[in-house]
């Protein structure tokens, strides 16, 4: 199987973007956006996670089967998060007296 040779410039650029997004997360955490704080932080975190997966884990240069496995794992993670959140968010409906 032939491997793709990725130039160092690509890794350096992605690393610089990750550092910039980390700084952005820190700076935006100092500002109160109300309930949007979590949404903004999660958008930045997902972007950073995708950059790490695509470039440092070589998903971008992998065969289609590996991309399918990666997508399926994200889909499964989404299912687990939805199930967990559906339980957590409906607890107040089952036990109205408890906060």
PDB file of N, CA and C in Angstrom:
ATOM      1  N   UNK A   1       0.842  -1.169   0.000  1.00  0.00           N
ATOM      2  CA  UNK A   1       0.000   0.000   0.000  1.00  0.00           C
ATOM      3  C   UNK A   1       0.894   1.241   0.000  1.00  0.00           C
ATOM      4  N   UNK A   2       0.650   2.115  -0.926  1.00  0.00           N
ATOM      5  CA  UNK A   2       1.447   3.335  -1.035  1.00  0.00           C
ATOM      6  C   UNK A   2       0.975   4.361   0.002  1.00  0.00           C
ATOM      7  N   UNK A   3       1.924   5.025   0.615  1.00  0.00           N
ATOM      8  CA  UNK A   3       1.610   6.035   1.614  1.00  0.00           C
ATOM      9  C   UNK A   3       1.781   7.411   1.017  1.00  0.00           C
ATOM     10  N   UNK A   4       0.900   8.307   1.394  1.00  0.00           N
ATOM     11  CA  UNK A   4       0.986   9.683   0.933  1.00  0.00           C
ATOM     12  C   UNK A   4       2.024  10.414   1.777  1.00  0.00           C
ATOM     13  N   UNK A   5       2.939  11.087   1.094  1.00  0.00           N
ATOM     14  CA  UNK A   5       3.949  11.897   1.780  1.00  0.00           C
ATOM     15  C   UNK A   5       3.357  13.296   1.972  1.00  0.00           C
ATOM     16  N   UNK A   6       3.174  13.664   3.221  1.00  0.00           N
ATOM     17  CA  UNK A   6       2.587  14.960   3.542  1.00  0.00           C
ATOM     18  C   UNK A   6       3.712  15.922   3.881  1.00  0.00           C
ATOM     19  N   UNK A   7       3.752  17.072   3.219  1.00  0.00           N
ATOM     20  CA  UNK A   7       4.816  18.036   3.530  1.00  0.00           C
ATOM     21  C   UNK A   7       4.707  18.567   4.964  1.00  0.00           C
ATOM     22  N   UNK A   8       5.844  18.911   5.509  1.00  0.00           N
ATOM     23  CA  UNK A   8       5.894  19.480   6.861  1.00  0.00           C
ATOM     24  C   UNK A   8       5.080  20.770   6.937  1.00  0.00           C
ATOM     25  N   UNK A   9       5.019  21.489   5.840  1.00  0.00           N
ATOM     26  CA  UNK A   9       4.276  22.749   5.782  1.00  0.00           C
ATOM     27  C   UNK A   9       2.809  22.534   6.161  1.00  0.00           C
ATOM     28  N   UNK A  10       2.228  21.405   5.741  1.00  0.00           N
ATOM     29  CA  UNK A  10       0.831  21.113   6.062  1.00  0.00           C
ATOM     30  C   UNK A  10       0.670  20.924   7.566  1.00  0.00           C
ATOM     31  N   UNK A  11       1.571  20.144   8.172  1.00  0.00           N
ATOM     32  CA  UNK A  11       1.500  19.927   9.612  1.00  0.00           C
ATOM     33  C   UNK A  11       1.713  21.228  10.386  1.00  0.00           C
ATOM     34  N   UNK A  12       2.643  22.042   9.930  1.00  0.00           N
ATOM     35  CA  UNK A  12       2.901  23.320  10.600  1.00  0.00           C
ATOM     36  C   UNK A  12       1.697  24.245  10.491  1.00  0.00           C
ATOM     37  N   UNK A  13       1.047  24.254   9.331  1.00  0.00           N
ATOM     38  CA  UNK A  13      -0.130  25.094   9.141  1.00  0.00           C
ATOM     39  C   UNK A  13      -1.279  24.635  10.030  1.00  0.00           C
ATOM     40  N   UNK A  14      -1.522  23.332  10.069  1.00  0.00           N
ATOM     41  CA  UNK A  14      -2.595  22.802  10.917  1.00  0.00           C
ATOM     42  C   UNK A  14      -2.285  23.074  12.389  1.00  0.00           C
ATOM     43  N   UNK A  15      -1.029  22.919  12.780  1.00  0.00           N
ATOM     44  CA  UNK A  15      -0.637  23.210  14.159  1.00  0.00           C
ATOM     45  C   UNK A  15      -0.879  24.681  14.493  1.00  0.00           C
ATOM     46  N   UNK A  16      -0.540  25.572  13.575  1.00  0.00           N
ATOM     47  CA  UNK A  16      -0.775  27.009  13.797  1.00  0.00           C
ATOM     48  C   UNK A  16      -2.264  27.306  13.915  1.00  0.00           C
ATOM     49  N   UNK A  17      -3.075  26.643  13.093  1.00  0.00           N
ATOM     50  CA  UNK A  17      -4.529  26.834  13.174  1.00  0.00           C
ATOM     51  C   UNK A  17      -5.058  26.326  14.512  1.00  0.00           C
ATOM     52  N   UNK A  18      -4.545  25.182  14.973  1.00  0.00           N
ATOM     53  CA  UNK A  18      -4.966  24.643  16.265  1.00  0.00           C
ATOM     54  C   UNK A  18      -4.588  25.587  17.409  1.00  0.00           C
ATOM     55  N   UNK A  19      -3.397  26.163  17.335  1.00  0.00           N
ATOM     56  CA  UNK A  19      -2.998  27.135  18.359  1.00  0.00           C
ATOM     57  C   UNK A  19      -3.892  28.372  18.317  1.00  0.00           C
ATOM     58  N   UNK A  20      -4.209  28.834  17.115  1.00  0.00           N
ATOM     59  CA  UNK A  20      -5.076  30.005  16.979  1.00  0.00           C
ATOM     60  C   UNK A  20      -6.478  29.709  17.520  1.00  0.00           C
ATOM     61  N   UNK A  21      -6.987  28.514  17.263  1.00  0.00           N
ATOM     62  CA  UNK A  21      -8.309  28.158  17.778  1.00  0.00           C
ATOM     63  C   UNK A  21      -8.289  28.009  19.302  1.00  0.00           C
ATOM     64  N   UNK A  22      -7.185  27.526  19.843  1.00  0.00           N
ATOM     65  CA  UNK A  22      -7.066  27.439  21.297  1.00  0.00           C
ATOM     66  C   UNK A  22      -7.049  28.833  21.920  1.00  0.00           C
ATOM     67  N   UNK A  23      -6.310  29.735  21.321  1.00  0.00           N
ATOM     68  CA  UNK A  23      -6.291  31.118  21.803  1.00  0.00           C
ATOM     69  C   UNK A  23      -7.675  31.751  21.663  1.00  0.00           C
ATOM     70  N   UNK A  24      -8.350  31.469  20.557  1.00  0.00           N
ATOM     71  CA  UNK A  24      -9.704  31.985  20.352  1.00  0.00           C
ATOM     72  C   UNK A  24     -10.652  31.464  21.426  1.00  0.00           C
ATOM     73  N   UNK A  25     -10.527  30.187  21.764  1.00  0.00           N
ATOM     74  CA  UNK A  25     -11.361  29.619  22.821  1.00  0.00           C
ATOM     75  C   UNK A  25     -11.114  30.337  24.140  1.00  0.00           C
ATOM     76  N   UNK A  26      -9.858  30.560  24.456  1.00  0.00           N
ATOM     77  CA  UNK A  26      -9.517  31.250  25.700  1.00  0.00           C
ATOM     78  C   UNK A  26     -10.071  32.674  25.713  1.00  0.00           C
ATOM     79  N   UNK A  27      -9.892  33.390  24.622  1.00  0.00           N
ATOM     80  CA  UNK A  27     -10.352  34.783  24.579  1.00  0.00           C
ATOM     81  C   UNK A  27     -11.873  34.879  24.606  1.00  0.00           C
ATOM     82  N   UNK A  28     -12.550  33.967  23.911  1.00  0.00           N
ATOM     83  CA  UNK A  28     -14.008  34.012  23.905  1.00  0.00           C
ATOM     84  C   UNK A  28     -14.594  33.569  25.246  1.00  0.00           C
ATOM     85  N   UNK A  29     -13.840  32.795  26.015  1.00  0.00           N
ATOM     86  CA  UNK A  29     -14.316  32.387  27.339  1.00  0.00           C
ATOM     87  C   UNK A  29     -14.344  33.568  28.302  1.00  0.00           C
ATOM     88  N   UNK A  30     -13.602  34.617  27.994  1.00  0.00           N
ATOM     89  CA  UNK A  30     -13.580  35.797  28.847  1.00  0.00           C
ATOM     90  C   UNK A  30     -14.802  36.686  28.623  1.00  0.00           C
ATOM     91  N   UNK A  31     -15.527  36.444  27.526  1.00  0.00           N
ATOM     92  CA  UNK A  31     -16.699  37.243  27.177  1.00  0.00           C
ATOM     93  C   UNK A  31     -17.945  36.434  27.519  1.00  0.00           C
ATOM     94  N   UNK A  32     -18.939  37.093  28.094  1.00  0.00           N
ATOM     95  CA  UNK A  32     -20.176  36.404  28.448  1.00  0.00           C
ATOM     96  C   UNK A  32     -21.161  36.488  27.288  1.00  0.00           C
ATOM     97  N   UNK A  33     -21.408  35.358  26.653  1.00  0.00           N
ATOM     98  CA  UNK A  33     -22.378  35.279  25.559  1.00  0.00           C
ATOM     99  C   UNK A  33     -23.685  34.649  26.023  1.00  0.00           C
ATOM    100  N   UNK A  34     -23.818  34.458  27.313  1.00  0.00           N
ATOM    101  CA  UNK A  34     -25.027  33.839  27.857  1.00  0.00           C
ATOM    102  C   UNK A  34     -25.039  32.351  27.541  1.00  0.00           C
ATOM    103  N   UNK A  35     -26.183  31.856  27.102  1.00  0.00           N
ATOM    104  CA  UNK A  35     -26.269  30.419  26.812  1.00  0.00           C
ATOM    105  C   UNK A  35     -25.472  30.007  25.572  1.00  0.00           C
ATOM    106  N   UNK A  36     -24.991  30.953  24.812  1.00  0.00           N
ATOM    107  CA  UNK A  36     -24.228  30.619  23.604  1.00  0.00           C
ATOM    108  C   UNK A  36     -22.768  30.284  23.913  1.00  0.00           C
ATOM    109  N   UNK A  37     -22.322  30.477  25.155  1.00  0.00           N
ATOM    110  CA  UNK A  37     -20.938  30.142  25.525  1.00  0.00           C
ATOM    111  C   UNK A  37     -20.613  28.696  25.210  1.00  0.00           C
ATOM    112  N   UNK A  38     -21.498  27.806  25.614  1.00  0.00           N
ATOM    113  CA  UNK A  38     -21.267  26.380  25.388  1.00  0.00           C
ATOM    114  C   UNK A  38     -21.284  26.048  23.909  1.00  0.00           C
ATOM    115  N   UNK A  39     -22.202  26.637  23.180  1.00  0.00           N
ATOM    116  CA  UNK A  39     -22.306  26.369  21.739  1.00  0.00           C
ATOM    117  C   UNK A  39     -21.044  26.817  21.012  1.00  0.00           C
ATOM    118  N   UNK A  40     -20.564  27.994  21.331  1.00  0.00           N
ATOM    119  CA  UNK A  40     -19.355  28.518  20.691  1.00  0.00           C
ATOM    120  C   UNK A  40     -18.153  27.643  21.026  1.00  0.00           C
ATOM    121  N   UNK A  41     -18.026  27.266  22.293  1.00  0.00           N
ATOM    122  CA  UNK A  41     -16.909  26.414  22.707  1.00  0.00           C
ATOM    123  C   UNK A  41     -16.965  25.052  22.020  1.00  0.00           C
ATOM    124  N   UNK A  42     -18.150  24.490  21.882  1.00  0.00           N
ATOM    125  CA  UNK A  42     -18.284  23.192  21.223  1.00  0.00           C
ATOM    126  C   UNK A  42     -17.986  23.267  19.731  1.00  0.00           C
ATOM    127  N   UNK A  43     -18.370  24.343  19.091  1.00  0.00           N
ATOM    128  CA  UNK A  43     -18.059  24.504  17.664  1.00  0.00           C
ATOM    129  C   UNK A  43     -16.548  24.558  17.455  1.00  0.00           C
ATOM    130  N   UNK A  44     -15.868  25.307  18.294  1.00  0.00           N
ATOM    131  CA  UNK A  44     -14.413  25.389  18.184  1.00  0.00           C
ATOM    132  C   UNK A  44     -13.776  24.039  18.500  1.00  0.00           C
ATOM    133  N   UNK A  45     -14.277  23.348  19.513  1.00  0.00           N
ATOM    134  CA  UNK A  45     -13.720  22.042  19.897  1.00  0.00           C
ATOM    135  C   UNK A  45     -13.921  21.005  18.798  1.00  0.00           C
ATOM    136  N   UNK A  46     -15.081  20.998  18.172  1.00  0.00           N
ATOM    137  CA  UNK A  46     -15.329  20.050  17.074  1.00  0.00           C
ATOM    138  C   UNK A  46     -14.430  20.365  15.887  1.00  0.00           C
ATOM    139  N   UNK A  47     -14.225  21.630  15.604  1.00  0.00           N
ATOM    140  CA  UNK A  47     -13.324  22.021  14.519  1.00  0.00           C
ATOM    141  C   UNK A  47     -11.908  21.535  14.796  1.00  0.00           C
ATOM    142  N   UNK A  48     -11.450  21.727  16.017  1.00  0.00           N
ATOM    143  CA  UNK A  48     -10.100  21.262  16.367  1.00  0.00           C
ATOM    144  C   UNK A  48     -10.001  19.743  16.300  1.00  0.00           C
ATOM    145  N   UNK A  49     -11.027  19.054  16.766  1.00  0.00           N
ATOM    146  CA  UNK A  49     -11.011  17.586  16.716  1.00  0.00           C
ATOM    147  C   UNK A  49     -10.988  17.083  15.280  1.00  0.00           C
ATOM    148  N   UNK A  50     -11.739  17.726  14.403  1.00  0.00           N
ATOM    149  CA  UNK A  50     -11.726  17.327  12.991  1.00  0.00           C
ATOM    150  C   UNK A  50     -10.367  17.570  12.350  1.00  0.00           C
ATOM    151  N   UNK A  51      -9.744  18.687  12.679  1.00  0.00           N
ATOM    152  CA  UNK A  51      -8.410  18.953  12.133  1.00  0.00           C
ATOM    153  C   UNK A  51      -7.407  17.895  12.588  1.00  0.00           C
ATOM    154  N   UNK A  52      -7.466  17.540  13.863  1.00  0.00           N
ATOM    155  CA  UNK A  52      -6.552  16.511  14.381  1.00  0.00           C
ATOM    156  C   UNK A  52      -6.816  15.176  13.703  1.00  0.00           C
ATOM    157  N   UNK A  53      -8.089  14.810  13.583  1.00  0.00           N
ATOM    158  CA  UNK A  53      -8.418  13.522  12.965  1.00  0.00           C
ATOM    159  C   UNK A  53      -8.038  13.495  11.485  1.00  0.00           C
ATOM    160  N   UNK A  54      -8.340  14.557  10.775  1.00  0.00           N
ATOM    161  CA  UNK A  54      -8.092  14.562   9.335  1.00  0.00           C
ATOM    162  C   UNK A  54      -6.609  14.588   8.990  1.00  0.00           C
ATOM    163  N   UNK A  55      -5.833  15.363   9.717  1.00  0.00           N
ATOM    164  CA  UNK A  55      -4.442  15.539   9.310  1.00  0.00           C
ATOM    165  C   UNK A  55      -3.462  14.706  10.146  1.00  0.00           C
ATOM    166  N   UNK A  56      -3.572  14.764  11.470  1.00  0.00           N
ATOM    167  CA  UNK A  56      -2.597  14.052  12.290  1.00  0.00           C
ATOM    168  C   UNK A  56      -2.901  12.555  12.391  1.00  0.00           C
ATOM    169  N   UNK A  57      -4.175  12.184  12.240  1.00  0.00           N
ATOM    170  CA  UNK A  57      -4.519  10.764  12.230  1.00  0.00           C
ATOM    171  C   UNK A  57      -4.620  10.228  10.801  1.00  0.00           C
ATOM    172  N   UNK A  58      -4.360  11.068   9.832  1.00  0.00           N
ATOM    173  CA  UNK A  58      -4.291  10.721   8.408  1.00  0.00           C
ATOM    174  C   UNK A  58      -5.603  10.191   7.842  1.00  0.00           C
ATOM    175  N   UNK A  59      -6.727  10.608   8.380  1.00  0.00           N
ATOM    176  CA  UNK A  59      -8.018  10.186   7.833  1.00  0.00           C
ATOM    177  C   UNK A  59      -8.217  10.784   6.445  1.00  0.00           C
ATOM    178  N   UNK A  60      -7.704  11.959   6.233  1.00  0.00           N
ATOM    179  CA  UNK A  60      -7.882  12.620   4.938  1.00  0.00           C
ATOM    180  C   UNK A  60      -7.226  11.831   3.804  1.00  0.00           C
ATOM    181  N   UNK A  61      -6.135  11.163   4.094  1.00  0.00           N
ATOM    182  CA  UNK A  61      -5.390  10.452   3.062  1.00  0.00           C
ATOM    183  C   UNK A  61      -5.629   8.946   3.120  1.00  0.00           C
ATOM    184  N   UNK A  62      -6.593   8.510   3.903  1.00  0.00           N
ATOM    185  CA  UNK A  62      -6.868   7.084   4.067  1.00  0.00           C
ATOM    186  C   UNK A  62      -7.788   6.579   2.963  1.00  0.00           C
ATOM    187  N   UNK A  63      -7.845   5.249   2.815  1.00  0.00           N
ATOM    188  CA  UNK A  63      -8.803   4.680   1.856  1.00  0.00           C
ATOM    189  C   UNK A  63     -10.249   4.928   2.309  1.00  0.00           C
ATOM    190  N   UNK A  64     -11.166   4.700   1.402  1.00  0.00           N
ATOM    191  CA  UNK A  64     -12.575   4.980   1.681  1.00  0.00           C
ATOM    192  C   UNK A  64     -13.117   4.133   2.831  1.00  0.00           C
ATOM    193  N   UNK A  65     -12.603   2.929   2.995  1.00  0.00           N
ATOM    194  CA  UNK A  65     -13.077   2.084   4.084  1.00  0.00           C
ATOM    195  C   UNK A  65     -12.742   2.702   5.439  1.00  0.00           C
ATOM    196  N   UNK A  66     -11.556   3.273   5.581  1.00  0.00           N
ATOM    197  CA  UNK A  66     -11.188   3.924   6.844  1.00  0.00           C
ATOM    198  C   UNK A  66     -12.050   5.165   7.092  1.00  0.00           C
ATOM    199  N   UNK A  67     -12.360   5.901   6.033  1.00  0.00           N
ATOM    200  CA  UNK A  67     -13.241   7.059   6.186  1.00  0.00           C
ATOM    201  C   UNK A  67     -14.637   6.617   6.618  1.00  0.00           C
ATOM    202  N   UNK A  68     -15.089   5.486   6.092  1.00  0.00           N
ATOM    203  CA  UNK A  68     -16.385   4.944   6.479  1.00  0.00           C
ATOM    204  C   UNK A  68     -16.376   4.519   7.951  1.00  0.00           C
ATOM    205  N   UNK A  69     -15.308   3.875   8.392  1.00  0.00           N
ATOM    206  CA  UNK A  69     -15.195   3.464   9.793  1.00  0.00           C
ATOM    207  C   UNK A  69     -15.183   4.694  10.692  1.00  0.00           C
ATOM    208  N   UNK A  70     -14.463   5.733  10.292  1.00  0.00           N
ATOM    209  CA  UNK A  70     -14.427   6.971  11.077  1.00  0.00           C
ATOM    210  C   UNK A  70     -15.813   7.605  11.152  1.00  0.00           C
ATOM    211  N   UNK A  71     -16.512   7.670  10.031  1.00  0.00           N
ATOM    212  CA  UNK A  71     -17.859   8.243  10.019  1.00  0.00           C
ATOM    213  C   UNK A  71     -18.819   7.402  10.861  1.00  0.00           C
ATOM    214  N   UNK A  72     -18.694   6.088  10.780  1.00  0.00           N
ATOM    215  CA  UNK A  72     -19.567   5.213  11.567  1.00  0.00           C
ATOM    216  C   UNK A  72     -19.303   5.387  13.061  1.00  0.00           C
ATOM    217  N   UNK A  73     -18.040   5.576  13.435  1.00  0.00           N
ATOM    218  CA  UNK A  73     -17.738   5.782  14.853  1.00  0.00           C
ATOM    219  C   UNK A  73     -18.300   7.111  15.349  1.00  0.00           C
ATOM    220  N   UNK A  74     -18.254   8.139  14.516  1.00  0.00           N
ATOM    221  CA  UNK A  74     -18.858   9.422  14.897  1.00  0.00           C
ATOM    222  C   UNK A  74     -20.373   9.306  15.008  1.00  0.00           C
ATOM    223  N   UNK A  75     -20.965   8.540  14.096  1.00  0.00           N
ATOM    224  CA  UNK A  75     -22.407   8.317  14.141  1.00  0.00           C
ATOM    225  C   UNK A  75     -22.792   7.584  15.426  1.00  0.00           C
ATOM    226  N   UNK A  76     -22.033   6.562  15.782  1.00  0.00           N
ATOM    227  CA  UNK A  76     -22.299   5.806  17.006  1.00  0.00           C
ATOM    228  C   UNK A  76     -22.116   6.694  18.231  1.00  0.00           C
ATOM    229  N   UNK A  77     -21.091   7.519  18.245  1.00  0.00           N
ATOM    230  CA  UNK A  77     -20.900   8.455  19.347  1.00  0.00           C
ATOM    231  C   UNK A  77     -22.090   9.396  19.464  1.00  0.00           C
ATOM    232  N   UNK A  78     -22.597   9.854  18.329  1.00  0.00           N
ATOM    233  CA  UNK A  78     -23.780  10.716  18.332  1.00  0.00           C
ATOM    234  C   UNK A  78     -24.990  10.026  18.927  1.00  0.00           C
ATOM    235  N   UNK A  79     -25.168   8.747  18.601  1.00  0.00           N
ATOM    236  CA  UNK A  79     -26.275   7.984  19.172  1.00  0.00           C
ATOM    237  C   UNK A  79     -26.134   7.913  20.693  1.00  0.00           C
ATOM    238  N   UNK A  80     -24.927   7.622  21.172  1.00  0.00           N
ATOM    239  CA  UNK A  80     -24.715   7.527  22.618  1.00  0.00           C
ATOM    240  C   UNK A  80     -24.956   8.866  23.313  1.00  0.00           C
ATOM    241  N   UNK A  81     -24.538   9.948  22.690  1.00  0.00           N
ATOM    242  CA  UNK A  81     -24.753  11.274  23.286  1.00  0.00           C
ATOM    243  C   UNK A  81     -26.243  11.595  23.329  1.00  0.00           C
ATOM    244  N   UNK A  82     -26.967  11.282  22.257  1.00  0.00           N
ATOM    245  CA  UNK A  82     -28.412  11.559  22.231  1.00  0.00           C
ATOM    246  C   UNK A  82     -29.139  10.744  23.292  1.00  0.00           C
ATOM    247  N   UNK A  83     -28.783   9.474  23.440  1.00  0.00           N
ATOM    248  CA  UNK A  83     -29.427   8.644  24.457  1.00  0.00           C
ATOM    249  C   UNK A  83     -29.121   9.179  25.858  1.00  0.00           C
ATOM    250  N   UNK A  84     -27.873   9.528  26.099  1.00  0.00           N
ATOM    251  CA  UNK A  84     -27.501  10.060  27.410  1.00  0.00           C
ATOM    252  C   UNK A  84     -28.220  11.367  27.707  1.00  0.00           C
ATOM    253  N   UNK A  85     -28.248  12.256  26.730  1.00  0.00           N
ATOM    254  CA  UNK A  85     -28.899  13.545  26.950  1.00  0.00           C
ATOM    255  C   UNK A  85     -30.410  13.397  27.088  1.00  0.00           C
ATOM    256  N   UNK A  86     -31.018  12.451  26.379  1.00  0.00           N
ATOM    257  CA  UNK A  86     -32.456  12.260  26.529  1.00  0.00           C
ATOM    258  C   UNK A  86     -32.788  11.777  27.943  1.00  0.00           C
ATOM    259  N   UNK A  87     -31.923  10.960  28.524  1.00  0.00           N
ATOM    260  CA  UNK A  87     -32.138  10.542  29.913  1.00  0.00           C
ATOM    261  C   UNK A  87     -31.926  11.713  30.862  1.00  0.00           C
ATOM    262  N   UNK A  88     -30.853  12.425  30.685  1.00  0.00           N
ATOM    263  CA  UNK A  88     -30.505  13.515  31.598  1.00  0.00           C
ATOM    264  C   UNK A  88     -31.531  14.641  31.558  1.00  0.00           C
ATOM    265  N   UNK A  89     -31.988  15.004  30.363  1.00  0.00           N
ATOM    266  CA  UNK A  89     -32.899  16.143  30.232  1.00  0.00           C
ATOM    267  C   UNK A  89     -34.325  15.816  30.661  1.00  0.00           C
ATOM    268  N   UNK A  90     -34.680  14.536  30.741  1.00  0.00           N
ATOM    269  CA  UNK A  90     -36.045  14.194  31.153  1.00  0.00           C
ATOM    270  C   UNK A  90     -36.131  13.785  32.615  1.00  0.00           C
ATOM    271  N   UNK A  91     -35.073  13.882  33.379  1.00  0.00           N
ATOM    272  CA  UNK A  91     -35.120  13.518  34.792  1.00  0.00           C
ATOM    273  C   UNK A  91     -36.032  14.453  35.583  1.00  0.00           C
ATOM    274  N   UNK A  92     -36.076  15.698  35.219  1.00  0.00           N
ATOM    275  CA  UNK A  92     -36.946  16.645  35.939  1.00  0.00           C
ATOM    276  C   UNK A  92     -38.411  16.299  35.715  1.00  0.00           C
ATOM    277  N   UNK A  93     -38.747  15.667  34.616  1.00  0.00           N
ATOM    278  CA  UNK A  93     -40.133  15.281  34.361  1.00  0.00           C
ATOM    279  C   UNK A  93     -40.550  14.102  35.245  1.00  0.00           C
ATOM    280  N   UNK A  94     -39.605  13.206  35.568  1.00  0.00           N
ATOM    281  CA  UNK A  94     -39.934  12.048  36.394  1.00  0.00           C
ATOM    282  C   UNK A  94     -39.975  12.380  37.873  1.00  0.00           C
ATOM    283  N   UNK A  95     -39.101  13.275  38.296  1.00  0.00           N
ATOM    284  CA  UNK A  95     -39.015  13.637  39.709  1.00  0.00           C
ATOM    285  C   UNK A  95     -39.201  15.138  39.855  1.00  0.00           C
ATOM    286  N   UNK A  96     -40.446  15.615  39.774  1.00  0.00           N
ATOM    287  CA  UNK A  96     -40.683  17.078  39.767  1.00  0.00           C
ATOM    288  C   UNK A  96     -40.234  17.797  41.026  1.00  0.00           C
ATOM    289  N   UNK A  97     -40.192  17.136  42.185  1.00  0.00           N
ATOM    290  CA  UNK A  97     -39.824  17.820  43.420  1.00  0.00           C
ATOM    291  C   UNK A  97     -38.331  18.035  43.575  1.00  0.00           C
ATOM    292  N   UNK A  98     -37.516  17.250  42.874  1.00  0.00           N
ATOM    293  CA  UNK A  98     -36.051  17.367  42.987  1.00  0.00           C
ATOM    294  C   UNK A  98     -35.516  18.308  41.924  1.00  0.00           C
ATOM    295  N   UNK A  99     -34.556  19.151  42.286  1.00  0.00           N
ATOM    296  CA  UNK A  99     -33.982  20.069  41.276  1.00  0.00           C
ATOM    297  C   UNK A  99     -33.045  19.365  40.340  1.00  0.00           C
TER     298      UNK A  99
END
